[in-house]
Amino acid sequence: MRRAPRFAFARGARAVAISWLTLVGALALLAPILPLPYPPAQPDLAHFSLPPFTAGSAHWLGTDPLGRDVLTELVFGARTALGLSVVATVLANALGALLGGAAGFWRNQLRLPLISSAGLFGLLWWALTLPGAGAGLVVAAVGLAGSWWASARRGPWLPVPLDAGVLGATALLGAVPRLVLVVVLAGSVALSPAGLLGVLVLTSWAGPARLVRAEMLRVGVQPFVAAARALGLPPGRVWWRHALPAACWPLRTAFPLGLAGLLGLESTLSFLGIGLPPEVPSWGQLLNTARLEPTAWWLVAGPGGLLLLTILALQALSSPSALGK
């Protein structure tokens, strides 16, 4: 009987969270066609640091010290924050699921054709944009084609300590605070939005990888996986079609938390002026303008309130009671 009020409260909190996230998502998607009074990043030279709800003003939520409309910056800032954070979270979870699932399934017993090392080297060369990146793609293509030929001809094989490598990489990423790591990477070179997205993904996949690897250790000994192996299915098919979908179940809870973390991280980077260009609207950048006018409380209340409510809504969705457990 005691669980009934708690369950009802959890359901109500989940409904409120979904409604809020739907509203923020709709604003982000429809931002270009909404009837906003001013376009983004366009200053009104006649009104600087205008308070909200000023009589006779078209700036309903006021302006920042640069004369930009706060309402427009909030709406387009939601588009920037969600667009970057959602894509980064999806890619980080996908990368973590693949690496963690493979590490938990094959452990340190994976063997690849020796020539496949050339393909991996070429992909790494291209990903790091070293001199002659096109040559890296050629090397990768040759290596991958050679891997197919070697697997068909049963050529020389190379043992790959996949589990040890994934665990070592996750331990290395976990040893350094993510904000410090992202600031160092983003501050060392000039990043485009795509480059910032890559940095966020490469520093965020470790958590999903650990979750999926731990679940894969349990799933790998389940009867349905043993039955698939007994049927003579290739190990890759058993992993992809049967084991991996079951091992990815913990990501259902981890995804909202990861999205909330990346949303806060993106706003922090924008506040510090790292990553995104100054002309791109963002909540963190709007918070940063409050330092130019400390008495402009609306520059803190608007983006700070939106960021806080969005993160709380995502955390409410990730709770076990909200997921129906």
Protein backbone atom coordinates (compact mmCIF):
# COMPACT_ATOMS: atom_id res chain seq x y z
CA MET A 1 0.00 0.00 0.00
CA ARG A 2 2.90 2.33 0.72
CA ARG A 3 4.22 1.94 -2.78
CA ALA A 4 1.03 3.29 -4.37
CA PRO A 5 1.61 7.00 -3.57
CA ARG A 6 5.27 6.70 -4.52
CA PHE A 7 4.38 5.01 -7.80
CA ALA A 8 1.76 7.66 -8.56
CA PHE A 9 4.29 10.41 -7.83
CA ALA A 10 6.84 8.73 -10.11
CA ARG A 11 4.29 8.47 -12.92
CA GLY A 12 3.36 12.12 -12.48
CA ALA A 13 7.01 13.18 -12.50
CA ARG A 14 7.59 11.13 -15.63
CA ALA A 15 4.60 12.75 -17.37
CA VAL A 16 5.84 16.23 -16.44
CA ALA A 17 9.36 15.37 -17.62
CA ILE A 18 8.12 14.05 -20.96
CA SER A 19 5.92 17.12 -21.45
CA TRP A 20 8.81 19.48 -20.73
CA LEU A 21 11.23 17.63 -23.00
CA THR A 22 8.61 17.55 -25.75
CA LEU A 23 8.16 21.31 -25.45
CA VAL A 24 11.91 21.99 -25.55
CA GLY A 25 12.35 19.59 -28.47
CA ALA A 26 9.50 21.21 -30.40
CA LEU A 27 11.00 24.66 -29.86
CA ALA A 28 14.37 23.40 -31.05
CA LEU A 29 12.93 21.80 -34.19
CA LEU A 30 10.60 24.67 -35.08
CA ALA A 31 12.99 27.51 -34.19
CA PRO A 32 13.60 28.65 -37.81
CA ILE A 33 9.87 29.05 -38.54
CA LEU A 34 8.66 30.45 -35.22
CA PRO A 35 7.41 34.08 -35.31
CA LEU A 36 10.25 35.44 -33.20
CA PRO A 37 10.63 39.24 -33.12
CA TYR A 38 14.32 39.23 -34.08
CA PRO A 39 16.64 36.77 -35.85
CA PRO A 40 19.48 35.20 -33.85
CA ALA A 41 22.79 37.00 -33.32
CA GLN A 42 21.36 40.29 -34.64
CA PRO A 43 21.95 43.16 -32.18
CA ASP A 44 19.49 45.95 -31.52
CA LEU A 45 21.82 48.93 -31.20
CA ALA A 46 19.11 51.00 -29.53
CA HIS A 47 18.47 48.59 -26.65
CA PHE A 48 21.32 47.15 -24.59
CA SER A 49 20.64 45.10 -21.43
CA LEU A 50 16.91 45.82 -21.69
CA PRO A 51 14.90 44.20 -18.85
CA PRO A 52 12.11 41.76 -19.78
CA PHE A 53 8.49 42.86 -20.23
CA THR A 54 9.45 46.48 -20.82
CA ALA A 55 6.45 48.49 -22.00
CA GLY A 56 6.46 49.25 -25.70
CA SER A 57 9.36 46.94 -26.48
CA ALA A 58 9.33 44.00 -28.90
CA HIS A 59 11.95 42.23 -26.77
CA TRP A 60 9.60 40.27 -24.52
CA LEU A 61 12.37 38.70 -22.43
CA GLY A 62 14.77 41.61 -22.75
CA THR A 63 18.16 41.88 -24.43
CA ASP A 64 21.73 41.02 -23.48
CA PRO A 65 24.60 43.54 -23.17
CA LEU A 66 25.24 43.14 -26.91
CA GLY A 67 21.65 44.04 -27.84
CA ARG A 68 20.59 40.52 -28.86
CA ASP A 69 17.05 39.35 -28.18
CA VAL A 70 17.04 36.96 -25.21
CA LEU A 71 13.94 35.02 -26.34
CA THR A 72 15.49 34.33 -29.73
CA GLU A 73 18.79 33.31 -28.16
CA LEU A 74 16.99 30.93 -25.78
CA VAL A 75 15.01 29.23 -28.55
CA PHE A 76 17.94 28.86 -30.92
CA GLY A 77 20.16 27.94 -27.97
CA ALA A 78 17.85 25.01 -27.31
CA ARG A 79 18.32 23.97 -30.94
CA THR A 80 22.11 24.11 -30.55
CA ALA A 81 22.20 22.36 -27.19
CA LEU A 82 19.85 19.51 -28.07
CA GLY A 83 21.18 19.08 -31.60
CA LEU A 84 24.76 18.66 -30.45
CA SER A 85 24.05 16.76 -27.24
CA VAL A 86 21.55 14.27 -28.69
CA VAL A 87 23.79 13.37 -31.65
CA ALA A 88 26.84 13.06 -29.39
CA THR A 89 24.95 10.85 -26.93
CA VAL A 90 23.64 8.56 -29.68
CA LEU A 91 27.10 8.17 -31.24
CA ALA A 92 28.81 7.69 -27.86
CA ASN A 93 26.30 5.01 -26.85
CA ALA A 94 26.65 3.26 -30.21
CA LEU A 95 30.45 3.28 -30.02
CA GLY A 96 30.43 2.17 -26.39
CA ALA A 97 27.93 -0.61 -27.12
CA LEU A 98 30.02 -1.97 -29.99
CA LEU A 99 33.32 -1.86 -28.12
CA GLY A 100 31.95 -3.02 -24.78
CA GLY A 101 29.80 -5.71 -26.37
CA ALA A 102 32.71 -7.06 -28.41
CA ALA A 103 35.04 -6.99 -25.40
CA GLY A 104 32.56 -8.87 -23.21
CA PHE A 105 31.73 -11.44 -25.89
CA TRP A 106 35.18 -12.30 -27.26
CA ARG A 107 37.26 -11.19 -24.25
CA ASN A 108 40.93 -11.56 -25.28
CA GLN A 109 40.31 -14.43 -27.69
CA LEU A 110 39.50 -12.46 -30.84
CA ARG A 111 41.68 -13.26 -33.85
CA LEU A 112 41.78 -11.14 -37.00
CA PRO A 113 43.63 -11.60 -40.30
CA LEU A 114 47.12 -10.15 -40.03
CA ILE A 115 46.57 -7.84 -42.99
CA SER A 116 43.59 -6.24 -41.22
CA SER A 117 46.09 -4.30 -39.11
CA ALA A 118 46.79 -2.24 -42.25
CA GLY A 119 43.10 -1.36 -42.47
CA LEU A 120 42.96 -0.31 -38.83
CA PHE A 121 46.12 1.75 -39.25
CA GLY A 122 44.68 3.47 -42.31
CA LEU A 123 41.43 4.31 -40.54
CA LEU A 124 43.36 5.74 -37.59
CA TRP A 125 45.53 7.74 -39.98
CA TRP A 126 42.45 9.20 -41.66
CA ALA A 127 40.61 9.86 -38.36
CA LEU A 128 43.56 11.82 -36.98
CA THR A 129 43.82 13.78 -40.27
CA LEU A 130 47.55 13.17 -40.53
CA PRO A 131 49.37 14.42 -43.65
CA GLY A 132 48.09 12.52 -46.65
CA ALA A 133 44.73 11.56 -45.15
CA GLY A 134 43.62 10.30 -48.56
CA ALA A 135 46.48 7.82 -48.52
CA GLY A 136 45.20 6.63 -45.15
CA LEU A 137 41.84 5.78 -46.70
CA VAL A 138 43.59 3.88 -49.48
CA VAL A 139 45.60 1.89 -46.93
CA ALA A 140 42.40 1.20 -44.99
CA ALA A 141 40.62 -0.04 -48.12
CA VAL A 142 43.53 -2.31 -49.03
CA GLY A 143 43.67 -3.66 -45.49
CA LEU A 144 39.94 -4.36 -45.33
CA ALA A 145 39.95 -6.02 -48.75
CA GLY A 146 42.94 -8.08 -47.67
CA SER A 147 41.09 -9.10 -44.51
CA TRP A 148 38.23 -10.50 -46.59
CA TRP A 149 40.69 -12.36 -48.83
CA ALA A 150 42.66 -13.72 -45.87
CA SER A 151 39.53 -14.92 -44.10
CA ALA A 152 38.46 -16.75 -47.24
CA ARG A 153 41.93 -18.26 -47.80
CA ARG A 154 42.61 -18.82 -44.08
CA GLY A 155 45.70 -16.63 -44.09
CA PRO A 156 47.82 -15.67 -41.07
CA TRP A 157 45.84 -14.51 -38.05
CA LEU A 158 46.64 -11.89 -35.43
CA PRO A 159 45.44 -12.29 -31.80
CA VAL A 160 43.76 -9.13 -30.52
CA PRO A 161 43.53 -8.51 -26.73
CA LEU A 162 40.25 -6.67 -27.21
CA ASP A 163 38.99 -6.89 -23.64
CA ALA A 164 42.26 -5.64 -22.18
CA GLY A 165 42.39 -2.80 -24.69
CA VAL A 166 38.83 -1.64 -24.01
CA LEU A 167 39.27 -1.85 -20.24
CA GLY A 168 42.55 0.04 -20.47
CA ALA A 169 41.00 2.77 -22.60
CA THR A 170 38.02 3.18 -20.25
CA ALA A 171 40.35 3.32 -17.24
CA LEU A 172 42.46 5.97 -18.97
CA LEU A 173 39.42 8.09 -19.81
CA GLY A 174 38.07 7.64 -16.29
CA ALA A 175 41.33 8.76 -14.68
CA VAL A 176 41.00 12.29 -16.09
CA PRO A 177 37.91 14.44 -15.40
CA ARG A 178 35.94 14.69 -18.61
CA LEU A 179 35.64 18.46 -18.47
CA VAL A 180 39.41 18.84 -18.13
CA LEU A 181 40.01 16.41 -20.99
CA VAL A 182 37.51 18.11 -23.29
CA VAL A 183 38.86 21.58 -22.46
CA VAL A 184 42.42 20.44 -23.21
CA LEU A 185 41.42 18.83 -26.51
CA ALA A 186 39.12 21.64 -27.58
CA GLY A 187 41.52 24.37 -26.50
CA SER A 188 44.59 22.90 -28.19
CA VAL A 189 43.21 23.17 -31.74
CA ALA A 190 40.51 25.24 -33.43
CA LEU A 191 37.43 23.03 -33.55
CA SER A 192 34.46 23.20 -35.86
CA PRO A 193 31.05 22.04 -34.57
CA ALA A 194 31.77 18.65 -36.16
CA GLY A 195 35.15 18.54 -34.43
CA LEU A 196 33.55 19.39 -31.09
CA LEU A 197 31.03 16.61 -31.70
CA GLY A 198 33.89 14.17 -32.27
CA VAL A 199 35.62 15.26 -29.05
CA LEU A 200 32.41 14.79 -27.06
CA VAL A 201 31.90 11.31 -28.50
CA LEU A 202 35.49 10.19 -27.94
CA THR A 203 35.37 11.29 -24.31
CA SER A 204 31.90 9.88 -23.53
CA TRP A 205 31.85 6.30 -24.83
CA ALA A 206 33.60 4.74 -21.82
CA GLY A 207 30.55 4.67 -19.54
CA PRO A 208 28.24 2.88 -22.02
CA ALA A 209 31.08 0.50 -22.89
CA ARG A 210 31.50 -0.58 -19.26
CA LEU A 211 27.75 -1.11 -18.85
CA VAL A 212 27.37 -3.18 -22.02
CA ARG A 213 30.52 -5.22 -21.31
CA ALA A 214 29.28 -6.11 -17.81
CA GLU A 215 25.88 -7.11 -19.18
CA MET A 216 27.50 -9.07 -22.02
CA LEU A 217 29.38 -11.21 -19.48
CA ARG A 218 25.99 -12.25 -18.11
CA VAL A 219 24.25 -12.58 -21.48
CA GLY A 220 27.09 -14.64 -22.97
CA VAL A 221 26.32 -17.62 -20.73
CA GLN A 222 22.55 -17.53 -21.20
CA PRO A 223 20.82 -20.56 -22.79
CA PHE A 224 19.67 -18.70 -25.91
CA VAL A 225 23.26 -17.73 -26.74
CA ALA A 226 24.45 -21.28 -26.13
CA ALA A 227 21.64 -22.56 -28.37
CA ALA A 228 22.66 -20.19 -31.16
CA ARG A 229 26.23 -21.43 -30.92
CA ALA A 230 25.07 -25.05 -30.89
CA LEU A 231 23.27 -24.44 -34.18
CA GLY A 232 26.62 -23.65 -35.75
CA LEU A 233 25.97 -19.97 -36.37
CA PRO A 234 29.08 -17.84 -36.96
CA PRO A 235 30.30 -16.08 -33.80
CA GLY A 236 29.82 -12.68 -35.42
CA ARG A 237 26.18 -13.42 -36.17
CA VAL A 238 25.57 -14.76 -32.66
CA TRP A 239 27.07 -11.59 -31.25
CA TRP A 240 25.22 -9.17 -33.55
CA ARG A 241 21.80 -10.82 -33.79
CA HIS A 242 21.38 -12.38 -30.34
CA ALA A 243 23.88 -11.31 -27.67
CA LEU A 244 24.37 -7.61 -28.39
CA PRO A 245 20.67 -6.57 -28.42
CA ALA A 246 20.18 -8.21 -25.03
CA ALA A 247 23.35 -6.68 -23.59
CA CYS A 248 22.35 -3.15 -24.63
CA TRP A 249 19.38 -3.10 -22.24
CA PRO A 250 21.20 -1.03 -19.53
CA LEU A 251 21.58 1.79 -22.04
CA ARG A 252 17.86 2.43 -21.68
CA THR A 253 18.63 3.98 -18.29
CA ALA A 254 22.06 5.33 -19.16
CA PHE A 255 20.96 7.27 -22.24
CA PRO A 256 18.99 10.04 -20.44
CA LEU A 257 21.78 10.42 -17.87
CA GLY A 258 24.41 10.60 -20.60
CA LEU A 259 22.34 13.17 -22.48
CA ALA A 260 21.98 15.26 -19.32
CA GLY A 261 25.73 15.12 -18.74
CA LEU A 262 26.57 16.15 -22.29
CA LEU A 263 23.97 18.91 -22.18
CA GLY A 264 25.64 20.36 -19.11
CA LEU A 265 29.09 19.87 -20.63
CA GLU A 266 28.13 21.64 -23.86
CA SER A 267 26.73 24.58 -21.90
CA THR A 268 29.89 24.73 -19.80
CA LEU A 269 32.09 24.80 -22.90
CA SER A 270 29.93 27.52 -24.44
CA PHE A 271 30.17 29.51 -21.22
CA LEU A 272 33.96 29.23 -21.38
CA GLY A 273 33.98 30.21 -25.05
CA ILE A 274 35.38 26.86 -26.24
CA GLY A 275 34.21 24.89 -29.24
CA LEU A 276 31.31 26.71 -30.87
CA PRO A 277 31.79 29.97 -32.82
CA PRO A 278 30.59 33.15 -31.07
CA GLU A 279 27.79 33.67 -33.60
CA VAL A 280 26.14 30.32 -32.74
CA PRO A 281 23.42 30.86 -30.08
CA SER A 282 23.74 28.72 -26.97
CA TRP A 283 22.57 28.76 -23.38
CA GLY A 284 26.11 28.77 -22.04
CA GLN A 285 27.08 31.72 -24.19
CA LEU A 286 24.03 33.65 -22.99
CA LEU A 287 25.03 32.91 -19.40
CA ASN A 288 28.49 34.21 -20.20
CA THR A 289 27.10 37.60 -21.24
CA ALA A 290 25.81 38.08 -17.69
CA ARG A 291 29.39 38.79 -16.65
CA LEU A 292 29.27 41.95 -18.75
CA GLU A 293 26.19 43.18 -16.86
CA PRO A 294 26.06 41.62 -13.36
CA THR A 295 22.71 43.27 -12.56
CA ALA A 296 20.98 41.65 -15.57
CA TRP A 297 19.31 38.83 -13.62
CA TRP A 298 17.30 37.70 -16.65
CA LEU A 299 20.49 36.58 -18.40
CA VAL A 300 20.98 34.02 -15.62
CA ALA A 301 17.35 33.11 -14.91
CA GLY A 302 16.46 32.33 -18.54
CA PRO A 303 19.21 29.97 -19.75
CA GLY A 304 19.97 28.72 -16.23
CA GLY A 305 16.34 27.80 -15.62
CA LEU A 306 15.96 26.06 -18.98
CA LEU A 307 19.16 24.10 -18.45
CA LEU A 308 18.21 23.10 -14.91
CA LEU A 309 14.69 21.98 -15.82
CA THR A 310 15.90 20.02 -18.86
CA ILE A 311 18.56 18.17 -16.87
CA LEU A 312 16.08 17.40 -14.06
CA ALA A 313 13.58 16.08 -16.62
CA LEU A 314 16.21 13.78 -18.13
CA GLN A 315 17.20 12.51 -14.70
CA ALA A 316 13.54 11.83 -13.90
CA LEU A 317 13.26 9.69 -17.03
CA SER A 318 16.30 7.62 -16.05
CA SER A 319 15.00 6.60 -12.61
CA PRO A 320 13.92 2.93 -12.26
CA SER A 321 10.42 3.93 -11.14
CA ALA A 322 10.01 6.08 -14.24
CA LEU A 323 11.02 3.15 -16.41
CA GLY A 324 8.35 0.95 -14.89
CA LYS A 325 10.70 -1.28 -12.88
